[in-house]
Structures are given as structure tokens and as C-alpha cells.
Amino acid sequence: MKELMKQPSSWLPNGIKLNLSDQFRPFSFTEELQFRLEELLEKNKENLLNPDEQAELAGLLELEKIFSFINAKLAS
């Protein structure tokens, strides 16, 4: 059975940046992970994602939502 979403926590060790100088966006993706997200989004627009890439994109989008929430809470 294929996974429906890659676990967002799998990127925590190597895909996350802490930006202490940016009070509105302290948590973000590394440049490499941001590039991968954009690459997957582009392939998704063209319906070219395989099942593993679909799971990866779902996990990245979930992690992006989590960061948006945390960053907003910290900024307020």
C-alpha cells in the first residue's frame, strides 16, 4: 500500500531553517526543500506526479500549513 502523505516530521532534521532575525517567519523550508516543493507543484499542475511524489507533495503542503500557523501565532 502506498502512503497517502509523507510524514511532515521526516523533513525536520534537514529541511527546516530557523530564522531568528525574522520575527514574522522564524520557521521556513531550506532553499533545497523550497525548490523541491515548487518543482512538485509545477509537475502537479501538469498532472505528472507519480504516487510517491503525490505523497511527498501532500506532506510538504501539510508542513507548510503547520509553519504558517506557528509563524502567525509567534508574530501575534
Protein backbone atom coordinates (compact mmCIF):
# COMPACT_ATOMS: atom_id res chain seq x y z
CA MET A 1 0.00 0.00 0.00
CA LYS A 2 1.36 3.40 -1.00
CA GLU A 3 1.49 6.09 1.62
CA LEU A 4 -1.01 8.90 1.09
CA MET A 5 1.23 11.51 2.66
CA LYS A 6 4.88 11.57 3.56
CA GLN A 7 5.12 12.42 7.25
CA PRO A 8 5.87 16.15 7.67
CA SER A 9 8.16 15.32 10.58
CA SER A 10 10.51 13.49 8.20
CA TRP A 11 11.85 16.86 6.98
CA LEU A 12 12.53 18.33 10.43
CA PRO A 13 16.18 17.22 10.72
CA ASN A 14 17.36 18.55 7.33
CA GLY A 15 14.68 20.57 5.58
CA ILE A 16 13.89 23.30 8.07
CA LYS A 17 15.50 26.69 8.70
CA LEU A 18 15.18 28.73 11.84
CA ASN A 19 15.33 32.44 11.01
CA LEU A 20 15.83 34.12 14.37
CA SER A 21 16.14 37.56 12.77
CA ASP A 22 12.73 37.31 11.05
CA GLN A 23 10.02 37.76 13.67
CA PHE A 24 7.22 37.14 11.14
CA ARG A 25 8.66 33.98 9.58
CA PRO A 26 11.01 32.28 12.02
CA PHE A 27 10.36 28.80 10.60
CA SER A 28 10.75 28.06 6.89
CA PHE A 29 11.96 25.46 4.44
CA THR A 30 15.59 25.29 3.40
CA GLU A 31 16.27 26.53 -0.13
CA GLU A 32 16.56 22.94 -1.32
CA LEU A 33 13.23 21.90 0.17
CA GLN A 34 11.51 25.05 -1.12
CA PHE A 35 12.84 24.26 -4.60
CA ARG A 36 11.53 20.69 -4.32
CA LEU A 37 8.10 21.96 -3.27
CA GLU A 38 7.97 24.31 -6.26
CA GLU A 39 9.11 21.50 -8.56
CA LEU A 40 6.36 19.19 -7.29
CA LEU A 41 3.73 21.93 -7.57
CA GLU A 42 4.73 22.52 -11.18
CA LYS A 43 4.55 18.81 -12.01
CA ASN A 44 1.19 18.63 -10.24
CA LYS A 45 -0.22 21.38 -12.47
CA GLU A 46 0.64 19.19 -15.45
CA ASN A 47 -0.72 16.01 -13.79
CA LEU A 48 2.72 14.36 -13.99
CA LEU A 49 3.19 13.25 -10.37
CA ASN A 50 3.70 9.60 -9.59
CA PRO A 51 2.18 8.21 -6.35
CA ASP A 52 5.38 8.74 -4.33
CA GLU A 53 5.58 12.36 -5.47
CA GLN A 54 1.91 12.87 -4.62
CA ALA A 55 2.61 11.64 -1.09
CA GLU A 56 5.67 13.90 -0.87
CA LEU A 57 3.70 16.93 -2.06
CA ALA A 58 0.90 16.24 0.41
CA GLY A 59 3.40 16.08 3.27
CA LEU A 60 5.17 19.27 2.22
CA LEU A 61 1.88 21.15 1.91
CA GLU A 62 0.85 19.96 5.37
CA LEU A 63 4.18 21.09 6.82
CA GLU A 64 3.77 24.45 5.09
CA LYS A 65 0.36 24.85 6.76
CA ILE A 66 1.86 23.98 10.14
CA PHE A 67 4.64 26.56 9.69
CA SER A 68 2.14 29.22 8.60
CA PHE A 69 0.12 28.59 11.73
CA ILE A 70 3.13 28.60 14.07
CA ASN A 71 4.66 31.66 12.43
CA ALA A 72 1.36 33.54 12.70
CA LYS A 73 0.97 32.61 16.37
CA LEU A 74 4.51 33.71 17.17
CA ALA A 75 4.06 37.01 15.32
CA SER A 76 0.86 37.89 17.19
